[in-house]
Amino acid sequence: MGVHSLVPVPHDQSLHVYHAPADQRRAIVYLHGVCGNVHAVRSWVDAALAFGTLIELVAESPCANRPGRFAWKAPSVAIAQRVDAALAAVKALRGGLLDTDQVVLFGYSQGAARVEALAHENPGRFAHVVLGSPPEKPDPKLLGACESVVVLGGTEEDTRHLQTGVLALQADGIRARYLFLPGAAHGEYGPRARDVVQQALLWLLDPPTE
């Protein structure tokens, strides 16, 4: 696992950052699920670091009766501002060795829904997205500006809406792929998380051959 640090951001929650080597300058911004475990990424972060530095935002709204857990209730424009501030803070920490124009958005559950909104409202800004178990069927109208989309779903949850959503993306001309997370229920990544995330990012960022 790469070097983990808590990075303070003025007037915001600190970021969880896992640093890729200096020569790997892509940024991967992660939004967790509602009241989710912010450390769930540790099951696959070492695979992600071959592709970029992982920057995890923590949602802004505390979950009642779940100390230390948070939910996304802010409008997506506010989340977009937080993403930009996070990228600037990590770029400064890395001495400029972060390409903020090469940003992968990765969201899980409620975080995946926020990723869709960010992609829709910032066309061309986020070309590559990963949606982990989103609550609704992936929508071509929201993801039409993306170059590639990977949707993940656990084998122990109902994923029919996810698979039909990927078919809809493909039918609309969007490069999209569905991958199972073996042994995972909703809220989990399962025992093969590392392999699946590695496969997802490799496909996502590998341009198709003509």
C-alpha atoms as a PDB file:
ATOM      1  CA  MET A   1       0.000   0.000   0.000  1.00  0.00           C
ATOM      2  CA  GLY A   2       1.300   3.479  -0.832  1.00  0.00           C
ATOM      3  CA  VAL A   3       2.158   6.107   1.728  1.00  0.00           C
ATOM      4  CA  HIS A   4      -1.059   7.278   3.408  1.00  0.00           C
ATOM      5  CA  SER A   5      -1.442  10.795   4.722  1.00  0.00           C
ATOM      6  CA  LEU A   6      -4.192  12.985   6.111  1.00  0.00           C
ATOM      7  CA  VAL A   7      -4.081  16.220   4.165  1.00  0.00           C
ATOM      8  CA  PRO A   8      -5.755  19.281   5.690  1.00  0.00           C
ATOM      9  CA  VAL A   9      -7.867  21.533   3.476  1.00  0.00           C
ATOM     10  CA  PRO A  10      -8.884  24.981   4.779  1.00  0.00           C
ATOM     11  CA  HIS A  11     -12.494  25.077   5.991  1.00  0.00           C
ATOM     12  CA  ASP A  12     -13.068  21.433   5.014  1.00  0.00           C
ATOM     13  CA  GLN A  13     -12.608  17.840   6.110  1.00  0.00           C
ATOM     14  CA  SER A  14      -9.098  16.456   5.855  1.00  0.00           C
ATOM     15  CA  LEU A  15      -8.409  14.237   2.859  1.00  0.00           C
ATOM     16  CA  HIS A  16      -7.249  10.636   2.954  1.00  0.00           C
ATOM     17  CA  VAL A  17      -4.464  10.445   0.374  1.00  0.00           C
ATOM     18  CA  TYR A  18      -2.526   7.410  -0.853  1.00  0.00           C
ATOM     19  CA  HIS A  19       0.467   8.537  -2.866  1.00  0.00           C
ATOM     20  CA  ALA A  20       1.571   7.016  -6.145  1.00  0.00           C
ATOM     21  CA  PRO A  21       5.245   7.232  -7.190  1.00  0.00           C
ATOM     22  CA  ALA A  22       6.419  10.641  -8.347  1.00  0.00           C
ATOM     23  CA  ASP A  23       6.436   9.591 -12.003  1.00  0.00           C
ATOM     24  CA  GLN A  24       2.751   8.591 -11.872  1.00  0.00           C
ATOM     25  CA  ARG A  25       0.937  11.908 -11.881  1.00  0.00           C
ATOM     26  CA  ARG A  26      -2.689  10.970 -12.520  1.00  0.00           C
ATOM     27  CA  ALA A  27      -5.236  11.708  -9.785  1.00  0.00           C
ATOM     28  CA  ILE A  28      -8.011   9.306  -8.768  1.00  0.00           C
ATOM     29  CA  VAL A  29     -10.680  11.039  -6.678  1.00  0.00           C
ATOM     30  CA  TYR A  30     -12.843   8.729  -4.555  1.00  0.00           C
ATOM     31  CA  LEU A  31     -16.269   9.435  -3.024  1.00  0.00           C
ATOM     32  CA  HIS A  32     -17.410   6.867  -0.440  1.00  0.00           C
ATOM     33  CA  GLY A  33     -20.937   5.593   0.138  1.00  0.00           C
ATOM     34  CA  VAL A  34     -23.505   6.987   2.559  1.00  0.00           C
ATOM     35  CA  CYS A  35     -22.206   6.543   6.108  1.00  0.00           C
ATOM     36  CA  GLY A  36     -19.547   4.327   4.517  1.00  0.00           C
ATOM     37  CA  ASN A  37     -16.219   3.169   5.839  1.00  0.00           C
ATOM     38  CA  VAL A  38     -13.592   5.568   4.510  1.00  0.00           C
ATOM     39  CA  HIS A  39     -10.962   2.858   4.915  1.00  0.00           C
ATOM     40  CA  ALA A  40     -12.720   0.375   2.595  1.00  0.00           C
ATOM     41  CA  VAL A  41     -10.362   1.470  -0.196  1.00  0.00           C
ATOM     42  CA  ARG A  42      -7.471  -0.224   1.585  1.00  0.00           C
ATOM     43  CA  SER A  43      -8.570  -3.561   0.148  1.00  0.00           C
ATOM     44  CA  TRP A  44      -7.592  -2.390  -3.348  1.00  0.00           C
ATOM     45  CA  VAL A  45      -5.562   0.803  -3.042  1.00  0.00           C
ATOM     46  CA  ASP A  46      -2.226  -0.835  -3.876  1.00  0.00           C
ATOM     47  CA  ALA A  47      -3.633  -1.819  -7.282  1.00  0.00           C
ATOM     48  CA  ALA A  48      -4.908   1.715  -7.891  1.00  0.00           C
ATOM     49  CA  LEU A  49      -1.525   3.274  -7.177  1.00  0.00           C
ATOM     50  CA  ALA A  50      -0.143   1.837 -10.411  1.00  0.00           C
ATOM     51  CA  PHE A  51      -2.532   4.250 -12.147  1.00  0.00           C
ATOM     52  CA  GLY A  52      -2.467   7.320  -9.923  1.00  0.00           C
ATOM     53  CA  THR A  53      -2.610   8.939  -6.502  1.00  0.00           C
ATOM     54  CA  LEU A  54      -5.848   8.127  -4.665  1.00  0.00           C
ATOM     55  CA  ILE A  55      -7.526  11.142  -3.053  1.00  0.00           C
ATOM     56  CA  GLU A  56     -10.522  10.329  -0.871  1.00  0.00           C
ATOM     57  CA  LEU A  57     -12.924  13.069   0.113  1.00  0.00           C
ATOM     58  CA  VAL A  58     -15.009  12.633   3.261  1.00  0.00           C
ATOM     59  CA  ALA A  59     -18.659  13.652   2.989  1.00  0.00           C
ATOM     60  CA  GLU A  60     -19.822  16.710   4.859  1.00  0.00           C
ATOM     61  CA  SER A  61     -22.910  15.573   6.800  1.00  0.00           C
ATOM     62  CA  PRO A  62     -22.476  13.472   9.976  1.00  0.00           C
ATOM     63  CA  CYS A  63     -24.582  10.309  10.182  1.00  0.00           C
ATOM     64  CA  ALA A  64     -26.845  10.166  13.214  1.00  0.00           C
ATOM     65  CA  ASN A  65     -25.875   7.406  15.677  1.00  0.00           C
ATOM     66  CA  ARG A  66     -22.819   6.478  13.588  1.00  0.00           C
ATOM     67  CA  PRO A  67     -19.897   8.492  14.960  1.00  0.00           C
ATOM     68  CA  GLY A  68     -17.183   9.163  12.422  1.00  0.00           C
ATOM     69  CA  ARG A  69     -19.408   8.318   9.444  1.00  0.00           C
ATOM     70  CA  PHE A  70     -20.690  10.877   6.939  1.00  0.00           C
ATOM     71  CA  ALA A  71     -23.210  11.273   4.081  1.00  0.00           C
ATOM     72  CA  TRP A  72     -23.325  13.410   0.935  1.00  0.00           C
ATOM     73  CA  LYS A  73     -26.091  16.007   1.218  1.00  0.00           C
ATOM     74  CA  ALA A  74     -24.398  19.047  -0.334  1.00  0.00           C
ATOM     75  CA  PRO A  75     -25.263  20.029  -3.912  1.00  0.00           C
ATOM     76  CA  SER A  76     -22.924  18.708  -6.580  1.00  0.00           C
ATOM     77  CA  VAL A  77     -21.607  22.196  -7.333  1.00  0.00           C
ATOM     78  CA  ALA A  78     -20.254  22.323  -3.774  1.00  0.00           C
ATOM     79  CA  ILE A  79     -18.718  18.855  -4.162  1.00  0.00           C
ATOM     80  CA  ALA A  80     -17.062  19.969  -7.408  1.00  0.00           C
ATOM     81  CA  GLN A  81     -15.507  22.884  -5.542  1.00  0.00           C
ATOM     82  CA  ARG A  82     -14.252  20.479  -2.886  1.00  0.00           C
ATOM     83  CA  VAL A  83     -12.734  18.251  -5.571  1.00  0.00           C
ATOM     84  CA  ASP A  84     -10.860  21.203  -7.055  1.00  0.00           C
ATOM     85  CA  ALA A  85      -9.608  22.283  -3.613  1.00  0.00           C
ATOM     86  CA  ALA A  86      -8.514  18.714  -2.856  1.00  0.00           C
ATOM     87  CA  LEU A  87      -6.589  18.428  -6.113  1.00  0.00           C
ATOM     88  CA  ALA A  88      -4.849  21.753  -5.467  1.00  0.00           C
ATOM     89  CA  ALA A  89      -3.882  20.734  -1.923  1.00  0.00           C
ATOM     90  CA  VAL A  90      -2.453  17.365  -2.980  1.00  0.00           C
ATOM     91  CA  LYS A  91      -0.647  18.877  -5.957  1.00  0.00           C
ATOM     92  CA  ALA A  92       1.044  21.351  -3.637  1.00  0.00           C
ATOM     93  CA  LEU A  93       1.960  18.564  -1.205  1.00  0.00           C
ATOM     94  CA  ARG A  94       3.526  16.583  -4.056  1.00  0.00           C
ATOM     95  CA  GLY A  95       5.566  19.554  -5.242  1.00  0.00           C
ATOM     96  CA  GLY A  96       3.471  19.911  -8.364  1.00  0.00           C
ATOM     97  CA  LEU A  97       3.709  16.225  -9.312  1.00  0.00           C
ATOM     98  CA  LEU A  98      -0.014  15.748  -9.879  1.00  0.00           C
ATOM     99  CA  ASP A  99      -1.782  16.257 -13.186  1.00  0.00           C
ATOM    100  CA  THR A 100      -5.132  17.772 -12.264  1.00  0.00           C
ATOM    101  CA  ASP A 101      -6.290  17.499 -15.873  1.00  0.00           C
ATOM    102  CA  GLN A 102      -6.055  13.681 -15.726  1.00  0.00           C
ATOM    103  CA  VAL A 103      -8.653  12.931 -13.089  1.00  0.00           C
ATOM    104  CA  VAL A 104     -10.481   9.642 -12.658  1.00  0.00           C
ATOM    105  CA  LEU A 105     -13.672   9.861 -10.576  1.00  0.00           C
ATOM    106  CA  PHE A 106     -14.506   6.748  -8.547  1.00  0.00           C
ATOM    107  CA  GLY A 107     -17.624   6.615  -6.420  1.00  0.00           C
ATOM    108  CA  TYR A 108     -19.345   3.930  -4.379  1.00  0.00           C
ATOM    109  CA  SER A 109     -23.134   3.781  -3.842  1.00  0.00           C
ATOM    110  CA  GLN A 110     -24.227   7.306  -2.889  1.00  0.00           C
ATOM    111  CA  GLY A 111     -20.762   8.461  -3.910  1.00  0.00           C
ATOM    112  CA  ALA A 112     -21.330   6.899  -7.349  1.00  0.00           C
ATOM    113  CA  ALA A 113     -24.526   8.916  -7.735  1.00  0.00           C
ATOM    114  CA  ARG A 114     -22.558  12.064  -6.932  1.00  0.00           C
ATOM    115  CA  VAL A 115     -19.919  11.071  -9.485  1.00  0.00           C
ATOM    116  CA  GLU A 116     -22.609  10.835 -12.180  1.00  0.00           C
ATOM    117  CA  ALA A 117     -23.816  14.325 -11.284  1.00  0.00           C
ATOM    118  CA  LEU A 118     -20.272  15.720 -11.367  1.00  0.00           C
ATOM    119  CA  ALA A 119     -19.637  14.170 -14.795  1.00  0.00           C
ATOM    120  CA  HIS A 120     -22.897  15.606 -16.120  1.00  0.00           C
ATOM    121  CA  GLU A 121     -22.426  19.101 -14.734  1.00  0.00           C
ATOM    122  CA  ASN A 122     -18.771  19.364 -15.757  1.00  0.00           C
ATOM    123  CA  PRO A 123     -18.757  17.956 -19.328  1.00  0.00           C
ATOM    124  CA  GLY A 124     -15.260  17.149 -20.526  1.00  0.00           C
ATOM    125  CA  ARG A 125     -13.742  17.641 -17.078  1.00  0.00           C
ATOM    126  CA  PHE A 126     -13.984  14.011 -15.951  1.00  0.00           C
ATOM    127  CA  ALA A 127     -13.467  11.692 -18.905  1.00  0.00           C
ATOM    128  CA  HIS A 128     -13.133   8.437 -16.971  1.00  0.00           C
ATOM    129  CA  VAL A 129     -15.410   7.259 -14.164  1.00  0.00           C
ATOM    130  CA  VAL A 130     -15.901   4.154 -12.032  1.00  0.00           C
ATOM    131  CA  LEU A 131     -19.320   3.588 -10.466  1.00  0.00           C
ATOM    132  CA  GLY A 132     -19.382   1.076  -7.630  1.00  0.00           C
ATOM    133  CA  SER A 133     -22.895  -0.254  -6.930  1.00  0.00           C
ATOM    134  CA  PRO A 134     -24.761   2.962  -7.769  1.00  0.00           C
ATOM    135  CA  PRO A 135     -28.317   3.090  -6.382  1.00  0.00           C
ATOM    136  CA  GLU A 136     -29.907   3.813  -9.766  1.00  0.00           C
ATOM    137  CA  LYS A 137     -29.343   2.550 -13.291  1.00  0.00           C
ATOM    138  CA  PRO A 138     -26.398   4.390 -14.913  1.00  0.00           C
ATOM    139  CA  ASP A 139     -27.874   7.119 -17.108  1.00  0.00           C
ATOM    140  CA  PRO A 140     -26.530   7.911 -20.601  1.00  0.00           C
ATOM    141  CA  LYS A 141     -27.848  11.461 -20.242  1.00  0.00           C
ATOM    142  CA  LEU A 142     -25.565  11.996 -17.250  1.00  0.00           C
ATOM    143  CA  LEU A 143     -22.524  10.149 -18.599  1.00  0.00           C
ATOM    144  CA  GLY A 144     -22.637  11.141 -22.254  1.00  0.00           C
ATOM    145  CA  ALA A 145     -19.520  13.326 -22.052  1.00  0.00           C
ATOM    146  CA  CYS A 146     -17.367  10.542 -20.577  1.00  0.00           C
ATOM    147  CA  GLU A 147     -14.820   8.650 -22.651  1.00  0.00           C
ATOM    148  CA  SER A 148     -15.149   5.452 -20.627  1.00  0.00           C
ATOM    149  CA  VAL A 149     -17.237   4.139 -17.751  1.00  0.00           C
ATOM    150  CA  VAL A 150     -16.823   1.039 -15.582  1.00  0.00           C
ATOM    151  CA  VAL A 151     -19.676  -0.143 -13.371  1.00  0.00           C
ATOM    152  CA  LEU A 152     -18.969  -2.531 -10.476  1.00  0.00           C
ATOM    153  CA  GLY A 153     -21.525  -4.638  -8.622  1.00  0.00           C
ATOM    154  CA  GLY A 154     -21.311  -7.355  -5.981  1.00  0.00           C
ATOM    155  CA  THR A 155     -22.367 -10.904  -6.711  1.00  0.00           C
ATOM    156  CA  GLU A 156     -24.328 -10.916  -3.421  1.00  0.00           C
ATOM    157  CA  GLU A 157     -26.559  -7.947  -4.308  1.00  0.00           C
ATOM    158  CA  ASP A 158     -29.186  -7.279  -6.980  1.00  0.00           C
ATOM    159  CA  THR A 159     -27.292  -5.854  -9.943  1.00  0.00           C
ATOM    160  CA  ARG A 160     -29.875  -6.167 -12.701  1.00  0.00           C
ATOM    161  CA  HIS A 161     -30.305  -2.394 -12.902  1.00  0.00           C
ATOM    162  CA  LEU A 162     -26.532  -1.981 -13.186  1.00  0.00           C
ATOM    163  CA  GLN A 163     -26.167  -4.454 -16.027  1.00  0.00           C
ATOM    164  CA  THR A 164     -29.110  -3.026 -17.982  1.00  0.00           C
ATOM    165  CA  GLY A 165     -27.654   0.425 -17.363  1.00  0.00           C
ATOM    166  CA  VAL A 166     -24.345  -0.585 -18.923  1.00  0.00           C
ATOM    167  CA  LEU A 167     -26.219  -1.942 -21.953  1.00  0.00           C
ATOM    168  CA  ALA A 168     -28.005   1.405 -22.239  1.00  0.00           C
ATOM    169  CA  LEU A 169     -24.682   3.271 -22.095  1.00  0.00           C
ATOM    170  CA  GLN A 170     -23.254   1.052 -24.815  1.00  0.00           C
ATOM    171  CA  ALA A 171     -26.347   1.481 -26.974  1.00  0.00           C
ATOM    172  CA  ASP A 172     -25.873   5.240 -26.678  1.00  0.00           C
ATOM    173  CA  GLY A 173     -22.312   4.973 -27.983  1.00  0.00           C
ATOM    174  CA  ILE A 174     -20.572   5.305 -24.611  1.00  0.00           C
ATOM    175  CA  ARG A 175     -17.608   3.007 -23.999  1.00  0.00           C
ATOM    176  CA  ALA A 176     -18.793   1.113 -20.927  1.00  0.00           C
ATOM    177  CA  ARG A 177     -18.148  -2.163 -19.139  1.00  0.00           C
ATOM    178  CA  TYR A 178     -19.655  -4.068 -16.223  1.00  0.00           C
ATOM    179  CA  LEU A 179     -17.528  -6.053 -13.759  1.00  0.00           C
ATOM    180  CA  PHE A 180     -18.625  -8.272 -10.871  1.00  0.00           C
ATOM    181  CA  LEU A 181     -17.124  -8.021  -7.394  1.00  0.00           C
ATOM    182  CA  PRO A 182     -17.136 -11.721  -6.364  1.00  0.00           C
ATOM    183  CA  GLY A 183     -18.504 -12.463  -2.902  1.00  0.00           C
ATOM    184  CA  ALA A 184     -19.467  -8.834  -2.220  1.00  0.00           C
ATOM    185  CA  ALA A 185     -22.780  -7.638  -0.821  1.00  0.00           C
ATOM    186  CA  HIS A 186     -23.789  -3.994  -1.030  1.00  0.00           C
ATOM    187  CA  GLY A 187     -21.361  -1.847   0.929  1.00  0.00           C
ATOM    188  CA  GLU A 188     -18.505  -4.316   0.357  1.00  0.00           C
ATOM    189  CA  TYR A 189     -15.739  -4.863  -2.165  1.00  0.00           C
ATOM    190  CA  GLY A 190     -15.283  -8.574  -1.487  1.00  0.00           C
ATOM    191  CA  PRO A 191     -12.212 -10.829  -1.382  1.00  0.00           C
ATOM    192  CA  ARG A 192     -11.099 -10.113  -4.946  1.00  0.00           C
ATOM    193  CA  ALA A 193     -11.358  -6.331  -4.762  1.00  0.00           C
ATOM    194  CA  ARG A 194      -7.738  -5.742  -5.722  1.00  0.00           C
ATOM    195  CA  ASP A 195      -7.949  -7.825  -8.902  1.00  0.00           C
ATOM    196  CA  VAL A 196     -11.261  -6.322  -9.992  1.00  0.00           C
ATOM    197  CA  VAL A 197     -10.194  -2.704  -9.430  1.00  0.00           C
ATOM    198  CA  GLN A 198      -6.946  -3.358 -11.273  1.00  0.00           C
ATOM    199  CA  GLN A 199      -8.888  -4.808 -14.200  1.00  0.00           C
ATOM    200  CA  ALA A 200     -11.335  -1.891 -14.112  1.00  0.00           C
ATOM    201  CA  LEU A 201      -8.664   0.808 -14.199  1.00  0.00           C
ATOM    202  CA  LEU A 202      -6.602  -0.973 -16.839  1.00  0.00           C
ATOM    203  CA  TRP A 203      -9.602  -1.172 -19.163  1.00  0.00           C
ATOM    204  CA  LEU A 204     -10.834   2.316 -18.281  1.00  0.00           C
ATOM    205  CA  LEU A 205      -7.552   4.022 -19.130  1.00  0.00           C
ATOM    206  CA  ASP A 206      -6.440   1.830 -22.028  1.00  0.00           C
ATOM    207  CA  PRO A 207      -7.632   3.491 -25.238  1.00  0.00           C
ATOM    208  CA  PRO A 208      -9.505   1.116 -27.536  1.00  0.00           C
ATOM    209  CA  THR A 209      -7.712  -0.080 -30.661  1.00  0.00           C
ATOM    210  CA  GLU A 210      -9.217   0.846 -33.994  1.00  0.00           C
END
